[in-house]
């Protein structure tokens, strides 16, 4: 039986991921690199609060959930059950749109 994702689980995972991004970003900044985290608009405030630069890329979380007709918990379950799901349903279909964000 698979565990169901709860909001508290999601917030914990985001906080843990944010800590990893912050540590990596700050380590790179100490070495003189200009760090820009490119991710969903949903995470803008978390990234900026960590003192790192932010660039929004698509798909945004809300856009992806709407297009797939799934909530984040379902997307996470599908990704853990199917290695190809991330690439086939999220990355490849949105790749052109994501790259076009950088050329504007």
N, C-alpha and C. Protein backbone atom coordinates (compact mmCIF):
# COMPACT_ATOMS: atom_id res chain seq x y z
N UNK A 1 0.83 -1.18 0.00
CA UNK A 1 0.00 0.00 0.00
C UNK A 1 0.88 1.25 0.00
N UNK A 2 0.60 2.16 -0.89
CA UNK A 2 1.38 3.39 -0.99
C UNK A 2 0.88 4.43 0.01
N UNK A 3 1.83 5.14 0.58
CA UNK A 3 1.46 6.22 1.49
C UNK A 3 0.89 7.38 0.69
N UNK A 4 -0.08 8.04 1.23
CA UNK A 4 -0.65 9.21 0.58
C UNK A 4 0.14 10.44 0.99
N UNK A 5 0.37 11.34 0.02
CA UNK A 5 1.06 12.57 0.31
C UNK A 5 0.10 13.55 0.95
N UNK A 6 0.51 14.15 2.00
CA UNK A 6 -0.29 15.15 2.70
C UNK A 6 0.39 16.50 2.53
N UNK A 7 -0.35 17.58 2.76
CA UNK A 7 0.23 18.91 2.66
C UNK A 7 1.46 19.05 3.55
N UNK A 8 1.41 18.50 4.77
CA UNK A 8 2.56 18.62 5.67
C UNK A 8 3.78 17.91 5.09
N UNK A 9 3.57 16.76 4.43
CA UNK A 9 4.67 16.05 3.77
C UNK A 9 5.25 16.91 2.65
N UNK A 10 4.38 17.53 1.88
CA UNK A 10 4.82 18.37 0.76
C UNK A 10 5.63 19.55 1.28
N UNK A 11 5.16 20.19 2.35
CA UNK A 11 5.89 21.34 2.89
C UNK A 11 7.24 20.90 3.44
N UNK A 12 7.30 19.73 4.06
CA UNK A 12 8.57 19.22 4.57
C UNK A 12 9.54 18.97 3.42
N UNK A 13 9.06 18.33 2.35
CA UNK A 13 9.93 18.06 1.21
C UNK A 13 10.41 19.35 0.56
N UNK A 14 9.54 20.34 0.44
CA UNK A 14 9.94 21.63 -0.14
C UNK A 14 10.98 22.29 0.75
N UNK A 15 10.77 22.28 2.06
CA UNK A 15 11.73 22.89 2.98
C UNK A 15 13.07 22.19 2.90
N UNK A 16 13.06 20.86 2.84
CA UNK A 16 14.30 20.09 2.74
C UNK A 16 15.02 20.39 1.42
N UNK A 17 14.26 20.44 0.33
CA UNK A 17 14.83 20.75 -0.98
C UNK A 17 15.37 22.17 -0.99
N UNK A 18 14.64 23.09 -0.37
CA UNK A 18 15.09 24.48 -0.30
C UNK A 18 16.41 24.58 0.44
N UNK A 19 16.57 23.80 1.52
CA UNK A 19 17.81 23.80 2.27
C UNK A 19 18.96 23.32 1.40
N UNK A 20 18.74 22.27 0.63
CA UNK A 20 19.77 21.74 -0.26
C UNK A 20 20.14 22.76 -1.33
N UNK A 21 19.13 23.41 -1.90
CA UNK A 21 19.39 24.42 -2.93
C UNK A 21 20.16 25.58 -2.31
N UNK A 22 19.75 26.00 -1.12
CA UNK A 22 20.44 27.11 -0.46
C UNK A 22 21.90 26.78 -0.21
N UNK A 23 22.15 25.60 0.33
CA UNK A 23 23.54 25.21 0.63
C UNK A 23 24.38 25.16 -0.64
N UNK A 24 23.85 24.52 -1.67
CA UNK A 24 24.59 24.42 -2.93
C UNK A 24 24.79 25.81 -3.53
N UNK A 25 23.74 26.61 -3.55
CA UNK A 25 23.83 27.95 -4.13
C UNK A 25 24.80 28.83 -3.38
N UNK A 26 24.74 28.80 -2.06
CA UNK A 26 25.64 29.62 -1.27
C UNK A 26 27.09 29.15 -1.41
N UNK A 27 27.30 27.85 -1.51
CA UNK A 27 28.66 27.33 -1.72
C UNK A 27 29.20 27.81 -3.07
N UNK A 28 28.37 27.79 -4.08
CA UNK A 28 28.80 28.28 -5.39
C UNK A 28 29.07 29.79 -5.35
N UNK A 29 28.23 30.55 -4.63
CA UNK A 29 28.46 31.98 -4.50
C UNK A 29 29.80 32.26 -3.82
N UNK A 30 30.13 31.48 -2.78
CA UNK A 30 31.42 31.67 -2.09
C UNK A 30 32.59 31.44 -3.03
N UNK A 31 32.39 30.58 -4.02
CA UNK A 31 33.45 30.30 -5.00
C UNK A 31 33.46 31.32 -6.13
N UNK A 32 32.56 32.30 -6.07
CA UNK A 32 32.56 33.38 -7.05
C UNK A 32 31.60 33.21 -8.21
N UNK A 33 30.75 32.19 -8.16
CA UNK A 33 29.78 31.97 -9.23
C UNK A 33 28.54 32.83 -9.03
N UNK A 34 27.94 33.26 -10.12
CA UNK A 34 26.64 33.94 -10.08
C UNK A 34 25.59 32.84 -10.16
N UNK A 35 24.83 32.66 -9.11
CA UNK A 35 23.88 31.55 -9.01
C UNK A 35 22.48 32.03 -9.36
N UNK A 36 21.85 31.33 -10.29
CA UNK A 36 20.46 31.59 -10.65
C UNK A 36 19.75 30.24 -10.63
N UNK A 37 18.71 30.14 -9.83
CA UNK A 37 17.92 28.92 -9.76
C UNK A 37 16.74 29.08 -10.71
N UNK A 38 16.66 28.23 -11.71
CA UNK A 38 15.58 28.26 -12.69
C UNK A 38 14.60 27.15 -12.37
N UNK A 39 13.40 27.54 -11.96
CA UNK A 39 12.38 26.58 -11.57
C UNK A 39 11.00 27.21 -11.71
N UNK A 40 10.00 26.52 -11.25
CA UNK A 40 8.62 26.97 -11.32
C UNK A 40 8.42 28.28 -10.54
N UNK A 41 7.58 29.13 -11.05
CA UNK A 41 7.22 30.39 -10.39
C UNK A 41 6.75 30.16 -8.96
N UNK A 42 6.20 29.01 -8.70
CA UNK A 42 5.71 28.66 -7.37
C UNK A 42 6.79 28.81 -6.31
N UNK A 43 8.03 28.58 -6.68
CA UNK A 43 9.13 28.57 -5.72
C UNK A 43 9.91 29.88 -5.66
N UNK A 44 9.43 30.93 -6.37
CA UNK A 44 10.15 32.22 -6.42
C UNK A 44 10.51 32.72 -5.02
N UNK A 45 9.53 32.86 -4.14
CA UNK A 45 9.78 33.43 -2.82
C UNK A 45 10.78 32.60 -2.02
N UNK A 46 10.66 31.27 -2.08
CA UNK A 46 11.61 30.42 -1.35
C UNK A 46 13.04 30.64 -1.82
N UNK A 47 13.23 30.74 -3.11
CA UNK A 47 14.57 30.91 -3.67
C UNK A 47 15.13 32.28 -3.31
N UNK A 48 14.33 33.31 -3.49
CA UNK A 48 14.79 34.67 -3.19
C UNK A 48 15.08 34.83 -1.71
N UNK A 49 14.23 34.23 -0.85
CA UNK A 49 14.47 34.29 0.60
C UNK A 49 15.80 33.66 0.98
N UNK A 50 16.28 32.75 0.16
CA UNK A 50 17.57 32.10 0.43
C UNK A 50 18.75 32.93 -0.08
N UNK A 51 18.45 34.09 -0.64
CA UNK A 51 19.51 34.98 -1.12
C UNK A 51 20.04 34.60 -2.49
N UNK A 52 19.27 33.82 -3.24
CA UNK A 52 19.70 33.39 -4.56
C UNK A 52 18.85 34.07 -5.62
N UNK A 53 19.40 34.23 -6.82
CA UNK A 53 18.63 34.80 -7.92
C UNK A 53 17.68 33.74 -8.47
N UNK A 54 16.59 34.20 -9.03
CA UNK A 54 15.53 33.31 -9.50
C UNK A 54 15.20 33.62 -10.95
N UNK A 55 14.93 32.57 -11.72
CA UNK A 55 14.40 32.69 -13.08
C UNK A 55 13.27 31.68 -13.24
N UNK A 56 12.11 32.17 -13.64
CA UNK A 56 10.96 31.28 -13.82
C UNK A 56 11.08 30.52 -15.13
N UNK A 57 10.79 29.23 -15.07
CA UNK A 57 10.71 28.42 -16.29
C UNK A 57 9.39 27.67 -16.28
N UNK A 58 8.98 27.24 -17.43
CA UNK A 58 7.74 26.50 -17.56
C UNK A 58 8.05 25.02 -17.64
N UNK A 59 7.12 24.19 -17.27
CA UNK A 59 5.78 24.54 -16.84
C UNK A 59 5.78 24.96 -15.37
N UNK A 60 4.93 25.88 -15.06
CA UNK A 60 4.68 26.24 -13.68
C UNK A 60 3.90 25.09 -13.05
N UNK A 61 3.97 24.96 -11.76
CA UNK A 61 3.29 23.86 -11.07
C UNK A 61 1.80 23.86 -11.41
N UNK A 62 1.16 25.03 -11.32
CA UNK A 62 -0.27 25.10 -11.59
C UNK A 62 -0.58 24.72 -13.04
N UNK A 63 0.26 25.16 -13.96
CA UNK A 63 0.06 24.83 -15.37
C UNK A 63 0.19 23.33 -15.60
N UNK A 64 1.20 22.72 -15.00
CA UNK A 64 1.42 21.28 -15.19
C UNK A 64 0.27 20.47 -14.60
N UNK A 65 -0.18 20.84 -13.40
CA UNK A 65 -1.26 20.08 -12.79
C UNK A 65 -2.55 20.22 -13.60
N UNK A 66 -2.79 21.41 -14.14
CA UNK A 66 -3.99 21.63 -14.95
C UNK A 66 -3.93 20.82 -16.25
N UNK A 67 -2.79 20.87 -16.94
CA UNK A 67 -2.66 20.14 -18.20
C UNK A 67 -2.74 18.64 -18.03
N UNK A 68 -2.16 18.15 -16.94
CA UNK A 68 -2.16 16.71 -16.70
C UNK A 68 -3.45 16.24 -16.03
N UNK A 69 -4.20 17.17 -15.46
CA UNK A 69 -5.42 16.79 -14.75
C UNK A 69 -5.13 16.02 -13.48
N UNK A 70 -4.01 16.34 -12.83
CA UNK A 70 -3.59 15.66 -11.60
C UNK A 70 -3.15 16.68 -10.58
N UNK A 71 -3.28 16.33 -9.30
CA UNK A 71 -2.71 17.20 -8.28
C UNK A 71 -1.25 16.79 -8.07
N UNK A 72 -0.53 17.56 -7.25
CA UNK A 72 0.89 17.28 -7.05
C UNK A 72 1.14 15.90 -6.46
N UNK A 73 0.25 15.47 -5.57
CA UNK A 73 0.40 14.14 -4.98
C UNK A 73 0.34 13.05 -6.03
N UNK A 74 -0.61 13.18 -6.95
CA UNK A 74 -0.75 12.18 -8.02
C UNK A 74 0.46 12.22 -8.95
N UNK A 75 0.93 13.41 -9.26
CA UNK A 75 2.13 13.52 -10.11
C UNK A 75 3.31 12.85 -9.42
N UNK A 76 3.49 13.09 -8.13
CA UNK A 76 4.59 12.46 -7.38
C UNK A 76 4.45 10.94 -7.38
N UNK A 77 3.24 10.45 -7.18
CA UNK A 77 3.03 8.99 -7.19
C UNK A 77 3.38 8.40 -8.55
N UNK A 78 2.94 9.07 -9.61
CA UNK A 78 3.22 8.58 -10.97
C UNK A 78 4.72 8.59 -11.25
N UNK A 79 5.40 9.65 -10.80
CA UNK A 79 6.85 9.73 -11.02
C UNK A 79 7.57 8.61 -10.28
N UNK A 80 7.12 8.28 -9.07
CA UNK A 80 7.80 7.22 -8.31
C UNK A 80 7.49 5.84 -8.86
N UNK A 81 6.34 5.68 -9.51
CA UNK A 81 5.95 4.37 -10.04
C UNK A 81 6.44 4.13 -11.47
N UNK A 82 6.70 5.20 -12.22
CA UNK A 82 7.03 5.07 -13.64
C UNK A 82 8.21 5.98 -13.98
N UNK A 83 9.36 5.37 -14.25
CA UNK A 83 10.57 6.13 -14.55
C UNK A 83 10.40 7.06 -15.75
N UNK A 84 9.59 6.68 -16.70
CA UNK A 84 9.43 7.48 -17.91
C UNK A 84 8.45 8.64 -17.77
N UNK A 85 7.64 8.63 -16.71
CA UNK A 85 6.60 9.65 -16.56
C UNK A 85 7.17 11.06 -16.55
N UNK A 86 8.21 11.29 -15.78
CA UNK A 86 8.80 12.62 -15.67
C UNK A 86 9.18 13.17 -17.03
N UNK A 87 9.86 12.37 -17.83
CA UNK A 87 10.31 12.84 -19.13
C UNK A 87 9.17 12.88 -20.15
N UNK A 88 8.41 11.81 -20.22
CA UNK A 88 7.37 11.71 -21.25
C UNK A 88 6.21 12.66 -21.04
N UNK A 89 5.83 12.91 -19.80
CA UNK A 89 4.64 13.73 -19.54
C UNK A 89 4.94 15.14 -19.07
N UNK A 90 6.10 15.37 -18.47
CA UNK A 90 6.40 16.70 -17.95
C UNK A 90 7.51 17.42 -18.71
N UNK A 91 8.65 16.78 -18.84
CA UNK A 91 9.79 17.48 -19.42
C UNK A 91 9.65 17.66 -20.93
N UNK A 92 9.53 16.58 -21.67
CA UNK A 92 9.53 16.69 -23.13
C UNK A 92 8.38 17.53 -23.69
N UNK A 93 7.14 17.35 -23.23
CA UNK A 93 6.06 18.16 -23.80
C UNK A 93 6.22 19.67 -23.53
N UNK A 94 6.88 20.02 -22.44
CA UNK A 94 7.02 21.42 -22.07
C UNK A 94 8.38 21.99 -22.46
N UNK A 95 9.26 21.18 -23.02
CA UNK A 95 10.64 21.60 -23.28
C UNK A 95 10.70 22.82 -24.19
N UNK A 96 9.97 22.79 -25.28
CA UNK A 96 9.99 23.93 -26.21
C UNK A 96 9.52 25.19 -25.50
N UNK A 97 8.45 25.07 -24.74
CA UNK A 97 7.92 26.24 -24.02
C UNK A 97 8.92 26.73 -22.98
N UNK A 98 9.55 25.81 -22.29
CA UNK A 98 10.52 26.20 -21.26
C UNK A 98 11.70 26.93 -21.88
N UNK A 99 12.20 26.41 -23.00
CA UNK A 99 13.33 27.06 -23.65
C UNK A 99 12.96 28.42 -24.23
N UNK A 100 11.73 28.54 -24.70
CA UNK A 100 11.31 29.82 -25.26
C UNK A 100 11.25 30.90 -24.18
N UNK A 101 11.12 30.52 -22.92
CA UNK A 101 11.13 31.48 -21.82
C UNK A 101 12.47 32.21 -21.74
N UNK A 102 13.54 31.53 -22.14
CA UNK A 102 14.88 32.13 -22.04
C UNK A 102 15.21 33.00 -23.24
N UNK A 103 14.49 32.86 -24.32
CA UNK A 103 14.82 33.61 -25.53
C UNK A 103 14.04 34.90 -25.66
N UNK A 104 13.15 35.17 -24.74
CA UNK A 104 12.34 36.39 -24.80
C UNK A 104 13.06 37.57 -24.22
